Amino acid sequence: MANKSVKVGLVQLSCSADVAANLEKTIAGVRKAAAQGAQVVVLQELFRSLYFCDVEDYENFKLAEAIPGPSTDTFGALAKELGVVIVASLFEKRAEGLYHNTTAVLDADGTYLGKYRKMHIPDDPGYFEKFYFTPGDLGYKVFPTKFGNIGVLICWDQWYPEAARITALKGADFLVYPTAIGWHKDQDGLTNDEQYGAWQTIQRSHAVANGIPVVSVNRCGIEGDMKFWGGSFVSNPFGRVIFQASHEEEQIHVEELDFAGSDRYRTHWPFLRDRRIDSYQPITKRFLDEE
């Protein structure tokens, strides 16, 4: 591994209905993170707009764009100017009537390295993503960048250990999760604490099981009835939270990830060594009620 560590910038912002203003704010956030020493900058899920999946509205398909396209051109130029890798979550229009929730990766020289299409698509009150997004068909992806191999997953993917495991097995130095998640603005505090705790715990467990850091970047602010809970965080390879952002405020933060830690934890807690890969075939079944 060429790089011993990487400085990752988390850009946690609130969004408005003004796409141009959101883009300008996000670019400013990338610049601020780079000025603080970030080598990789991770943006929140669907940062160009409000989280539109709270309703089923055909007008929202107009927010989608080709990838590569205008946004990857913009962030590619910014990445080259600043010498940073940018992980950018976008609404992809693949073809007429075919859309994906997609994250593009721009290398530090501005090169478009490719994209990951969100594999797990939720459909819950306030998160009607199946109306908009076709499930990803590119498989799980790791992007070799100037500053390390980045395993990219997106929001609802967070809850699936299989996704984290496969991405880690493909050689990711760390996992990133662009995210948009929150609670109803009138929901009680105990429920909120439990939900946030579960969300962070499952991602910390991916760090432990795979021996690599996890970076999760969420939005904040109130949009309609939803209060996005912020709380972007970084976990070390053994699940310890080494940074957690505010639940309320916009925040730009840079955290250094020590790749040597992954070797140390994997050596002393050799979960990958002891995997019984000969016994895991049942996991490919929906439920084990029939032979």
C-alpha atoms as a PDB file:
ATOM      1  CA  MET A   1       0.000   0.000   0.000  1.00  0.00           C
ATOM      2  CA  ALA A   2       1.545   3.266  -1.153  1.00  0.00           C
ATOM      3  CA  ASN A   3      -0.315   5.488   1.306  1.00  0.00           C
ATOM      4  CA  LYS A   4       0.045   4.947   5.059  1.00  0.00           C
ATOM      5  CA  SER A   5      -2.884   7.214   5.850  1.00  0.00           C
ATOM      6  CA  VAL A   6      -5.418   9.528   4.244  1.00  0.00           C
ATOM      7  CA  LYS A   7      -7.110  12.719   5.370  1.00  0.00           C
ATOM      8  CA  VAL A   8     -10.831  12.513   4.617  1.00  0.00           C
ATOM      9  CA  GLY A   9     -13.118  15.530   4.521  1.00  0.00           C
ATOM     10  CA  LEU A  10     -16.778  15.147   5.512  1.00  0.00           C
ATOM     11  CA  VAL A  11     -19.149  17.784   4.113  1.00  0.00           C
ATOM     12  CA  GLN A  12     -22.400  17.834   6.131  1.00  0.00           C
ATOM     13  CA  LEU A  13     -24.802  20.470   4.841  1.00  0.00           C
ATOM     14  CA  SER A  14     -28.470  21.423   4.755  1.00  0.00           C
ATOM     15  CA  CYS A  15     -30.146  21.768   1.360  1.00  0.00           C
ATOM     16  CA  SER A  16     -32.742  24.014  -0.238  1.00  0.00           C
ATOM     17  CA  ALA A  17     -34.979  23.856  -3.309  1.00  0.00           C
ATOM     18  CA  ASP A  18     -32.398  25.953  -5.195  1.00  0.00           C
ATOM     19  CA  VAL A  19     -30.184  23.492  -7.074  1.00  0.00           C
ATOM     20  CA  ALA A  20     -27.684  26.162  -8.077  1.00  0.00           C
ATOM     21  CA  ALA A  21     -27.357  27.383  -4.492  1.00  0.00           C
ATOM     22  CA  ASN A  22     -26.853  23.816  -3.227  1.00  0.00           C
ATOM     23  CA  LEU A  23     -24.118  23.267  -5.789  1.00  0.00           C
ATOM     24  CA  GLU A  24     -22.400  26.522  -4.839  1.00  0.00           C
ATOM     25  CA  LYS A  25     -22.580  25.663  -1.135  1.00  0.00           C
ATOM     26  CA  THR A  26     -21.207  22.180  -1.759  1.00  0.00           C
ATOM     27  CA  ILE A  27     -18.307  23.482  -3.845  1.00  0.00           C
ATOM     28  CA  ALA A  28     -17.506  25.915  -1.029  1.00  0.00           C
ATOM     29  CA  GLY A  29     -17.579  22.968   1.387  1.00  0.00           C
ATOM     30  CA  VAL A  30     -15.127  21.018  -0.749  1.00  0.00           C
ATOM     31  CA  ARG A  31     -12.815  24.013  -0.864  1.00  0.00           C
ATOM     32  CA  LYS A  32     -12.994  24.421   2.899  1.00  0.00           C
ATOM     33  CA  ALA A  33     -12.227  20.741   3.459  1.00  0.00           C
ATOM     34  CA  ALA A  34      -9.278  20.923   1.050  1.00  0.00           C
ATOM     35  CA  ALA A  35      -7.995  24.027   2.840  1.00  0.00           C
ATOM     36  CA  GLN A  36      -8.066  21.992   6.072  1.00  0.00           C
ATOM     37  CA  GLY A  37      -5.876  19.349   4.464  1.00  0.00           C
ATOM     38  CA  ALA A  38      -8.402  16.876   3.079  1.00  0.00           C
ATOM     39  CA  GLN A  39      -7.101  14.531   0.393  1.00  0.00           C
ATOM     40  CA  VAL A  40     -10.463  12.815  -0.131  1.00  0.00           C
ATOM     41  CA  VAL A  41     -13.762  14.706   0.197  1.00  0.00           C
ATOM     42  CA  VAL A  42     -17.021  12.789   0.688  1.00  0.00           C
ATOM     43  CA  LEU A  43     -20.327  14.523  -0.045  1.00  0.00           C
ATOM     44  CA  GLN A  44     -23.732  13.627   1.365  1.00  0.00           C
ATOM     45  CA  GLU A  45     -26.342  11.714  -0.618  1.00  0.00           C
ATOM     46  CA  LEU A  46     -28.147  13.677  -3.376  1.00  0.00           C
ATOM     47  CA  PHE A  47     -26.639  16.987  -2.287  1.00  0.00           C
ATOM     48  CA  ARG A  48     -27.867  18.919  -5.354  1.00  0.00           C
ATOM     49  CA  SER A  49     -31.464  19.137  -4.144  1.00  0.00           C
ATOM     50  CA  LEU A  50     -33.865  18.617  -1.322  1.00  0.00           C
ATOM     51  CA  TYR A  51     -34.402  14.951  -0.525  1.00  0.00           C
ATOM     52  CA  PHE A  52     -37.190  14.558  -3.073  1.00  0.00           C
ATOM     53  CA  CYS A  53     -38.026  10.917  -2.295  1.00  0.00           C
ATOM     54  CA  ASP A  54     -40.365  12.000   0.512  1.00  0.00           C
ATOM     55  CA  VAL A  55     -43.068  12.225  -2.185  1.00  0.00           C
ATOM     56  CA  GLU A  56     -43.870  10.441  -5.437  1.00  0.00           C
ATOM     57  CA  ASP A  57     -43.823  13.254  -7.986  1.00  0.00           C
ATOM     58  CA  TYR A  58     -42.919  12.843 -11.649  1.00  0.00           C
ATOM     59  CA  GLU A  59     -41.589  16.416 -11.735  1.00  0.00           C
ATOM     60  CA  ASN A  60     -38.657  15.320  -9.605  1.00  0.00           C
ATOM     61  CA  PHE A  61     -37.257  13.204 -12.434  1.00  0.00           C
ATOM     62  CA  LYS A  62     -36.200  16.504 -14.007  1.00  0.00           C
ATOM     63  CA  LEU A  63     -33.472  16.704 -11.347  1.00  0.00           C
ATOM     64  CA  ALA A  64     -31.632  13.736 -12.862  1.00  0.00           C
ATOM     65  CA  GLU A  65     -28.610  13.982 -15.148  1.00  0.00           C
ATOM     66  CA  ALA A  66     -26.231  11.839 -17.131  1.00  0.00           C
ATOM     67  CA  ILE A  67     -23.158  10.406 -15.386  1.00  0.00           C
ATOM     68  CA  PRO A  68     -20.606  11.343 -16.544  1.00  0.00           C
ATOM     69  CA  GLY A  69     -22.215  14.677 -17.246  1.00  0.00           C
ATOM     70  CA  PRO A  70     -22.446  18.269 -16.010  1.00  0.00           C
ATOM     71  CA  SER A  71     -21.833  17.568 -12.321  1.00  0.00           C
ATOM     72  CA  THR A  72     -18.928  15.202 -12.879  1.00  0.00           C
ATOM     73  CA  ASP A  73     -17.415  17.802 -15.208  1.00  0.00           C
ATOM     74  CA  THR A  74     -17.748  20.449 -12.498  1.00  0.00           C
ATOM     75  CA  PHE A  75     -16.350  18.284  -9.713  1.00  0.00           C
ATOM     76  CA  GLY A  76     -13.660  16.807 -11.927  1.00  0.00           C
ATOM     77  CA  ALA A  77     -12.354  20.306 -12.612  1.00  0.00           C
ATOM     78  CA  LEU A  78     -12.574  21.137  -8.897  1.00  0.00           C
ATOM     79  CA  ALA A  79     -10.768  17.925  -7.939  1.00  0.00           C
ATOM     80  CA  LYS A  80      -7.957  18.724 -10.361  1.00  0.00           C
ATOM     81  CA  GLU A  81      -7.686  22.320  -9.149  1.00  0.00           C
ATOM     82  CA  LEU A  82      -7.496  21.318  -5.485  1.00  0.00           C
ATOM     83  CA  GLY A  83      -5.643  18.022  -5.919  1.00  0.00           C
ATOM     84  CA  VAL A  84      -8.286  16.092  -3.991  1.00  0.00           C
ATOM     85  CA  VAL A  85     -10.448  13.038  -4.639  1.00  0.00           C
ATOM     86  CA  ILE A  86     -14.181  13.834  -4.611  1.00  0.00           C
ATOM     87  CA  VAL A  87     -16.921  11.285  -3.902  1.00  0.00           C
ATOM     88  CA  ALA A  88     -20.140  12.809  -5.288  1.00  0.00           C
ATOM     89  CA  SER A  89     -23.653  11.361  -4.909  1.00  0.00           C
ATOM     90  CA  LEU A  90     -25.930  12.177  -7.861  1.00  0.00           C
ATOM     91  CA  PHE A  91     -29.331  11.367  -9.371  1.00  0.00           C
ATOM     92  CA  GLU A  92     -28.477   9.535 -12.579  1.00  0.00           C
ATOM     93  CA  LYS A  93     -30.593   9.506 -15.733  1.00  0.00           C
ATOM     94  CA  ARG A  94     -29.290   6.428 -17.519  1.00  0.00           C
ATOM     95  CA  ALA A  95     -31.852   6.433 -20.344  1.00  0.00           C
ATOM     96  CA  GLU A  96     -35.391   7.646 -20.937  1.00  0.00           C
ATOM     97  CA  GLY A  97     -37.402   6.341 -17.991  1.00  0.00           C
ATOM     98  CA  LEU A  98     -34.404   4.649 -16.326  1.00  0.00           C
ATOM     99  CA  TYR A  99     -32.864   6.251 -13.256  1.00  0.00           C
ATOM    100  CA  HIS A 100     -30.376   5.329 -10.531  1.00  0.00           C
ATOM    101  CA  ASN A 101     -29.129   6.681  -7.213  1.00  0.00           C
ATOM    102  CA  THR A 102     -25.452   6.857  -8.126  1.00  0.00           C
ATOM    103  CA  THR A 103     -22.148   8.002  -6.697  1.00  0.00           C
ATOM    104  CA  ALA A 104     -19.329   9.137  -8.973  1.00  0.00           C
ATOM    105  CA  VAL A 105     -15.669   9.236  -7.980  1.00  0.00           C
ATOM    106  CA  LEU A 106     -13.281  11.887  -9.329  1.00  0.00           C
ATOM    107  CA  ASP A 107      -9.569  11.316  -8.806  1.00  0.00           C
ATOM    108  CA  ALA A 108      -7.171  13.998  -7.609  1.00  0.00           C
ATOM    109  CA  ASP A 109      -6.118  14.800 -11.189  1.00  0.00           C
ATOM    110  CA  GLY A 110      -9.751  15.308 -12.207  1.00  0.00           C
ATOM    111  CA  THR A 111     -10.139  11.911 -13.872  1.00  0.00           C
ATOM    112  CA  TYR A 112     -13.607  10.392 -13.728  1.00  0.00           C
ATOM    113  CA  LEU A 113     -12.926   6.931 -12.275  1.00  0.00           C
ATOM    114  CA  GLY A 114     -16.432   5.562 -12.596  1.00  0.00           C
ATOM    115  CA  LYS A 115     -19.624   5.164 -10.611  1.00  0.00           C
ATOM    116  CA  TYR A 116     -21.407   2.953  -8.119  1.00  0.00           C
ATOM    117  CA  ARG A 117     -25.170   2.508  -8.364  1.00  0.00           C
ATOM    118  CA  LYS A 118     -27.023   2.028  -5.088  1.00  0.00           C
ATOM    119  CA  MET A 119     -27.902  -1.643  -4.701  1.00  0.00           C
ATOM    120  CA  HIS A 120     -30.450  -1.609  -1.870  1.00  0.00           C
ATOM    121  CA  ILE A 121     -33.463   0.638  -2.531  1.00  0.00           C
ATOM    122  CA  PRO A 122     -35.848   1.408   0.364  1.00  0.00           C
ATOM    123  CA  ASP A 123     -39.568   2.037   0.203  1.00  0.00           C
ATOM    124  CA  ASP A 124     -40.883   3.416   3.452  1.00  0.00           C
ATOM    125  CA  PRO A 125     -42.990   6.390   4.553  1.00  0.00           C
ATOM    126  CA  GLY A 126     -40.936   9.442   3.652  1.00  0.00           C
ATOM    127  CA  TYR A 127     -38.435   7.368   1.632  1.00  0.00           C
ATOM    128  CA  PHE A 128     -40.223   6.374  -1.575  1.00  0.00           C
ATOM    129  CA  GLU A 129     -37.030   5.533  -3.416  1.00  0.00           C
ATOM    130  CA  LYS A 130     -38.404   2.609  -5.399  1.00  0.00           C
ATOM    131  CA  PHE A 131     -40.557   5.124  -7.292  1.00  0.00           C
ATOM    132  CA  TYR A 132     -37.407   6.841  -8.564  1.00  0.00           C
ATOM    133  CA  PHE A 133     -34.466   4.432  -8.556  1.00  0.00           C
ATOM    134  CA  THR A 134     -33.734   1.197 -10.355  1.00  0.00           C
ATOM    135  CA  PRO A 135     -31.535  -1.071  -8.204  1.00  0.00           C
ATOM    136  CA  GLY A 136     -27.854  -0.937  -9.095  1.00  0.00           C
ATOM    137  CA  ASP A 137     -26.507  -3.393 -11.650  1.00  0.00           C
ATOM    138  CA  LEU A 138     -22.780  -2.628 -11.514  1.00  0.00           C
ATOM    139  CA  GLY A 139     -22.119  -4.744  -8.449  1.00  0.00           C
ATOM    140  CA  TYR A 140     -20.055  -3.580  -5.501  1.00  0.00           C
ATOM    141  CA  LYS A 141     -17.223  -1.256  -6.396  1.00  0.00           C
ATOM    142  CA  VAL A 142     -13.828  -0.185  -5.116  1.00  0.00           C
ATOM    143  CA  PHE A 143     -12.146   2.809  -6.732  1.00  0.00           C
ATOM    144  CA  PRO A 144      -8.333   2.975  -6.829  1.00  0.00           C
ATOM    145  CA  THR A 145      -7.531   6.658  -6.254  1.00  0.00           C
ATOM    146  CA  LYS A 146      -4.346   8.592  -5.635  1.00  0.00           C
ATOM    147  CA  PHE A 147      -5.009   8.402  -1.899  1.00  0.00           C
ATOM    148  CA  GLY A 148      -6.202   4.831  -1.478  1.00  0.00           C
ATOM    149  CA  ASN A 149      -8.807   2.314  -2.542  1.00  0.00           C
ATOM    150  CA  ILE A 150     -12.250   3.689  -1.701  1.00  0.00           C
ATOM    151  CA  GLY A 151     -15.188   1.339  -1.240  1.00  0.00           C
ATOM    152  CA  VAL A 152     -18.356   3.263  -2.028  1.00  0.00           C
ATOM    153  CA  LEU A 153     -21.811   2.308  -0.764  1.00  0.00           C
ATOM    154  CA  ILE A 154     -24.913   4.503  -0.401  1.00  0.00           C
ATOM    155  CA  CYS A 155     -27.318   5.102   2.506  1.00  0.00           C
ATOM    156  CA  TRP A 156     -29.704   2.089   2.692  1.00  0.00           C
ATOM    157  CA  ASP A 157     -26.726  -0.110   1.792  1.00  0.00           C
ATOM    158  CA  GLN A 158     -25.520   0.775   5.306  1.00  0.00           C
ATOM    159  CA  TRP A 159     -27.756  -1.822   6.901  1.00  0.00           C
ATOM    160  CA  TYR A 160     -26.411  -4.790   4.948  1.00  0.00           C
ATOM    161  CA  PRO A 161     -23.273  -6.549   6.215  1.00  0.00           C
ATOM    162  CA  GLU A 162     -23.098  -8.482   2.938  1.00  0.00           C
ATOM    163  CA  ALA A 163     -22.526  -5.263   0.979  1.00  0.00           C
ATOM    164  CA  ALA A 164     -19.784  -4.088   3.323  1.00  0.00           C
ATOM    165  CA  ARG A 165     -18.123  -7.506   3.330  1.00  0.00           C
ATOM    166  CA  ILE A 166     -18.019  -7.862  -0.454  1.00  0.00           C
ATOM    167  CA  THR A 167     -16.711  -4.329  -0.877  1.00  0.00           C
ATOM    168  CA  ALA A 168     -14.029  -4.939   1.742  1.00  0.00           C
ATOM    169  CA  LEU A 169     -13.058  -8.229   0.091  1.00  0.00           C
ATOM    170  CA  LYS A 170     -12.519  -6.328  -3.166  1.00  0.00           C
ATOM    171  CA  GLY A 171      -9.663  -4.468  -1.485  1.00  0.00           C
ATOM    172  CA  ALA A 172     -11.201  -1.310  -0.021  1.00  0.00           C
ATOM    173  CA  ASP A 173      -8.921   0.602   2.336  1.00  0.00           C
ATOM    174  CA  PHE A 174     -12.006   2.237   3.835  1.00  0.00           C
ATOM    175  CA  LEU A 175     -15.759   2.406   3.253  1.00  0.00           C
ATOM    176  CA  VAL A 176     -17.733   5.581   2.582  1.00  0.00           C
ATOM    177  CA  TYR A 177     -21.493   5.996   2.842  1.00  0.00           C
ATOM    178  CA  PRO A 178     -23.093   9.139   1.369  1.00  0.00           C
ATOM    179  CA  THR A 179     -26.380   9.342   3.273  1.00  0.00           C
ATOM    180  CA  ALA A 180     -29.709  11.132   3.667  1.00  0.00           C
ATOM    181  CA  ILE A 181     -31.533   9.929   6.769  1.00  0.00           C
ATOM    182  CA  GLY A 182     -33.521  11.560   9.531  1.00  0.00           C
ATOM    183  CA  TRP A 183     -36.548  11.378  11.757  1.00  0.00           C
ATOM    184  CA  HIS A 184     -39.980  12.980  11.720  1.00  0.00           C
ATOM    185  CA  LYS A 185     -39.624  16.462  13.164  1.00  0.00           C
ATOM    186  CA  ASP A 186     -42.283  15.722  15.819  1.00  0.00           C
ATOM    187  CA  GLN A 187     -40.869  12.327  16.817  1.00  0.00           C
ATOM    188  CA  ASP A 188     -39.960  11.760  20.475  1.00  0.00           C
ATOM    189  CA  GLY A 189     -36.360  11.861  21.657  1.00  0.00           C
ATOM    190  CA  LEU A 190     -36.138   8.266  22.882  1.00  0.00           C
ATOM    191  CA  THR A 191     -37.132   6.938  19.454  1.00  0.00           C
ATOM    192  CA  ASN A 192     -34.636   9.290  17.837  1.00  0.00           C
ATOM    193  CA  ASP A 193     -31.810   8.122  20.081  1.00  0.00           C
ATOM    194  CA  GLU A 194     -32.626   4.485  19.383  1.00  0.00           C
ATOM    195  CA  GLN A 195     -32.748   5.003  15.623  1.00  0.00           C
ATOM    196  CA  TYR A 196     -29.514   6.963  15.456  1.00  0.00           C
ATOM    197  CA  GLY A 197     -27.831   4.431  17.736  1.00  0.00           C
ATOM    198  CA  ALA A 198     -28.863   1.545  15.489  1.00  0.00           C
ATOM    199  CA  TRP A 199     -27.731   3.424  12.368  1.00  0.00           C
ATOM    200  CA  GLN A 200     -24.304   4.162  13.779  1.00  0.00           C
ATOM    201  CA  THR A 201     -23.889   0.759  15.433  1.00  0.00           C
ATOM    202  CA  ILE A 202     -24.521  -1.236  12.261  1.00  0.00           C
ATOM    203  CA  GLN A 203     -21.905   0.795  10.407  1.00  0.00           C
ATOM    204  CA  ARG A 204     -19.382   0.507  13.230  1.00  0.00           C
ATOM    205  CA  SER A 205     -19.938  -3.242  13.059  1.00  0.00           C
ATOM    206  CA  HIS A 206     -18.903  -3.188   9.395  1.00  0.00           C
ATOM    207  CA  ALA A 207     -15.648  -1.578  10.479  1.00  0.00           C
ATOM    208  CA  VAL A 208     -15.077  -4.272  13.108  1.00  0.00           C
ATOM    209  CA  ALA A 209     -15.993  -7.230  10.907  1.00  0.00           C
ATOM    210  CA  ASN A 210     -13.811  -6.059   8.033  1.00  0.00           C
ATOM    211  CA  GLY A 211     -10.994  -4.300   9.870  1.00  0.00           C
ATOM    212  CA  ILE A 212     -11.227  -1.039   7.922  1.00  0.00           C
ATOM    213  CA  PRO A 213     -12.407   2.495   8.738  1.00  0.00           C
ATOM    214  CA  VAL A 214     -15.936   3.651   7.889  1.00  0.00           C
ATOM    215  CA  VAL A 215     -16.875   7.215   6.891  1.00  0.00           C
ATOM    216  CA  SER A 216     -20.575   8.132   6.857  1.00  0.00           C
ATOM    217  CA  VAL A 217     -21.734  11.569   5.673  1.00  0.00           C
ATOM    218  CA  ASN A 218     -25.336  12.651   6.284  1.00  0.00           C
ATOM    219  CA  ARG A 219     -27.221  15.866   5.621  1.00  0.00           C
ATOM    220  CA  CYS A 220     -28.815  18.033   8.302  1.00  0.00           C
ATOM    221  CA  GLY A 221     -31.695  20.492   8.515  1.00  0.00           C
ATOM    222  CA  ILE A 222     -35.491  20.313   8.226  1.00  0.00           C
ATOM    223  CA  GLU A 223     -37.117  19.491   4.895  1.00  0.00           C
ATOM    224  CA  GLY A 224     -40.910  19.272   5.086  1.00  0.00           C
ATOM    225  CA  ASP A 225     -41.758  16.912   7.943  1.00  0.00           C
ATOM    226  CA  MET A 226     -38.283  15.396   8.007  1.00  0.00           C
ATOM    227  CA  LYS A 227     -35.459  16.530  10.247  1.00  0.00           C
ATOM    228  CA  PHE A 228     -32.262  15.070   8.876  1.00  0.00           C
ATOM    229  CA  TRP A 229     -30.193  13.983  11.832  1.00  0.00           C
ATOM    230  CA  GLY A 230     -26.702  14.930  10.687  1.00  0.00           C
ATOM    231  CA  GLY A 231     -24.384  13.024  12.976  1.00  0.00           C
ATOM    232  CA  SER A 232     -21.896  12.233  10.234  1.00  0.00           C
ATOM    233  CA  PHE A 233     -19.116  10.166  11.737  1.00  0.00           C
ATOM    234  CA  VAL A 234     -15.859   8.279  11.272  1.00  0.00           C
ATOM    235  CA  SER A 235     -15.131   4.894  12.827  1.00  0.00           C
ATOM    236  CA  ASN A 236     -11.688   3.376  13.179  1.00  0.00           C
ATOM    237  CA  PRO A 237     -11.114  -0.259  12.044  1.00  0.00           C
ATOM    238  CA  PHE A 238     -12.299  -1.584  15.394  1.00  0.00           C
ATOM    239  CA  GLY A 239     -15.532   0.365  15.536  1.00  0.00           C
ATOM    240  CA  ARG A 240     -14.429   3.215  17.781  1.00  0.00           C
ATOM    241  CA  VAL A 241     -16.008   6.538  16.814  1.00  0.00           C
ATOM    242  CA  ILE A 242     -13.134   8.963  16.303  1.00  0.00           C
ATOM    243  CA  PHE A 243     -15.327  11.805  15.039  1.00  0.00           C
ATOM    244  CA  GLN A 244     -19.033  12.578  15.201  1.00  0.00           C
ATOM    245  CA  ALA A 245     -20.628  15.701  13.750  1.00  0.00           C
ATOM    246  CA  SER A 246     -23.433  17.785  15.182  1.00  0.00           C
ATOM    247  CA  HIS A 247     -27.032  16.636  14.759  1.00  0.00           C
ATOM    248  CA  GLU A 248     -28.121  20.210  14.150  1.00  0.00           C
ATOM    249  CA  GLU A 249     -25.408  22.212  12.434  1.00  0.00           C
ATOM    250  CA  GLU A 250     -23.669  22.205   9.086  1.00  0.00           C
ATOM    251  CA  GLN A 251     -20.124  21.004   9.536  1.00  0.00           C
ATOM    252  CA  ILE A 252     -16.966  20.524   7.488  1.00  0.00           C
ATOM    253  CA  HIS A 253     -14.484  18.212   9.166  1.00  0.00           C
ATOM    254  CA  VAL A 254     -11.247  16.502   8.178  1.00  0.00           C
ATOM    255  CA  GLU A 255     -10.200  13.262   9.866  1.00  0.00           C
ATOM    256  CA  GLU A 256      -7.014  11.288   9.263  1.00  0.00           C
ATOM    257  CA  LEU A 257      -7.416   7.549   8.726  1.00  0.00           C
ATOM    258  CA  ASP A 258      -4.450   5.368   9.643  1.00  0.00           C
ATOM    259  CA  PHE A 259      -4.266   2.438   7.240  1.00  0.00           C
ATOM    260  CA  ALA A 260      -1.646   0.720   9.424  1.00  0.00           C
ATOM    261  CA  GLY A 261      -4.411   0.285  11.976  1.00  0.00           C
ATOM    262  CA  SER A 262      -6.234  -2.052   9.603  1.00  0.00           C
ATOM    263  CA  ASP A 263      -3.266  -4.412   9.470  1.00  0.00           C
ATOM    264  CA  ARG A 264      -2.905  -4.344  13.249  1.00  0.00           C
ATOM    265  CA  TYR A 265      -6.579  -5.055  13.957  1.00  0.00           C
ATOM    266  CA  ARG A 266      -6.845  -7.690  11.235  1.00  0.00           C
ATOM    267  CA  THR A 267      -3.757  -9.452  12.583  1.00  0.00           C
ATOM    268  CA  HIS A 268      -4.868  -9.463  16.223  1.00  0.00           C
ATOM    269  CA  TRP A 269      -8.540 -10.139  15.446  1.00  0.00           C
ATOM    270  CA  PRO A 270      -8.281 -12.344  12.321  1.00  0.00           C
ATOM    271  CA  PHE A 271     -11.916 -12.458  11.302  1.00  0.00           C
ATOM    272  CA  LEU A 272     -11.040 -12.686   7.609  1.00  0.00           C
ATOM    273  CA  ARG A 273      -8.665 -15.580   8.263  1.00  0.00           C
ATOM    274  CA  ASP A 274     -11.302 -17.589  10.090  1.00  0.00           C
ATOM    275  CA  ARG A 275     -14.178 -17.127   7.673  1.00  0.00           C
ATOM    276  CA  ARG A 276     -15.803 -20.461   6.780  1.00  0.00           C
ATOM    277  CA  ILE A 277     -16.449 -19.649   3.156  1.00  0.00           C
ATOM    278  CA  ASP A 278     -17.394 -23.289   2.510  1.00  0.00           C
ATOM    279  CA  SER A 279     -20.458 -22.883   4.761  1.00  0.00           C
ATOM    280  CA  TYR A 280     -22.006 -19.625   3.556  1.00  0.00           C
ATOM    281  CA  GLN A 281     -24.042 -20.778   0.555  1.00  0.00           C
ATOM    282  CA  PRO A 282     -27.375 -20.487   2.457  1.00  0.00           C
ATOM    283  CA  ILE A 283     -26.918 -16.706   2.651  1.00  0.00           C
ATOM    284  CA  THR A 284     -27.892 -16.479  -1.025  1.00  0.00           C
ATOM    285  CA  LYS A 285     -31.458 -17.612  -0.167  1.00  0.00           C
ATOM    286  CA  ARG A 286     -34.219 -15.142   0.708  1.00  0.00           C
ATOM    287  CA  PHE A 287     -35.261 -17.193   3.752  1.00  0.00           C
ATOM    288  CA  LEU A 288     -34.421 -20.727   4.842  1.00  0.00           C
ATOM    289  CA  ASP A 289     -37.942 -22.090   5.220  1.00  0.00           C
ATOM    290  CA  GLU A 290     -37.630 -24.596   2.332  1.00  0.00           C
ATOM    291  CA  GLU A 291     -34.849 -26.796   1.057  1.00  0.00           C
END
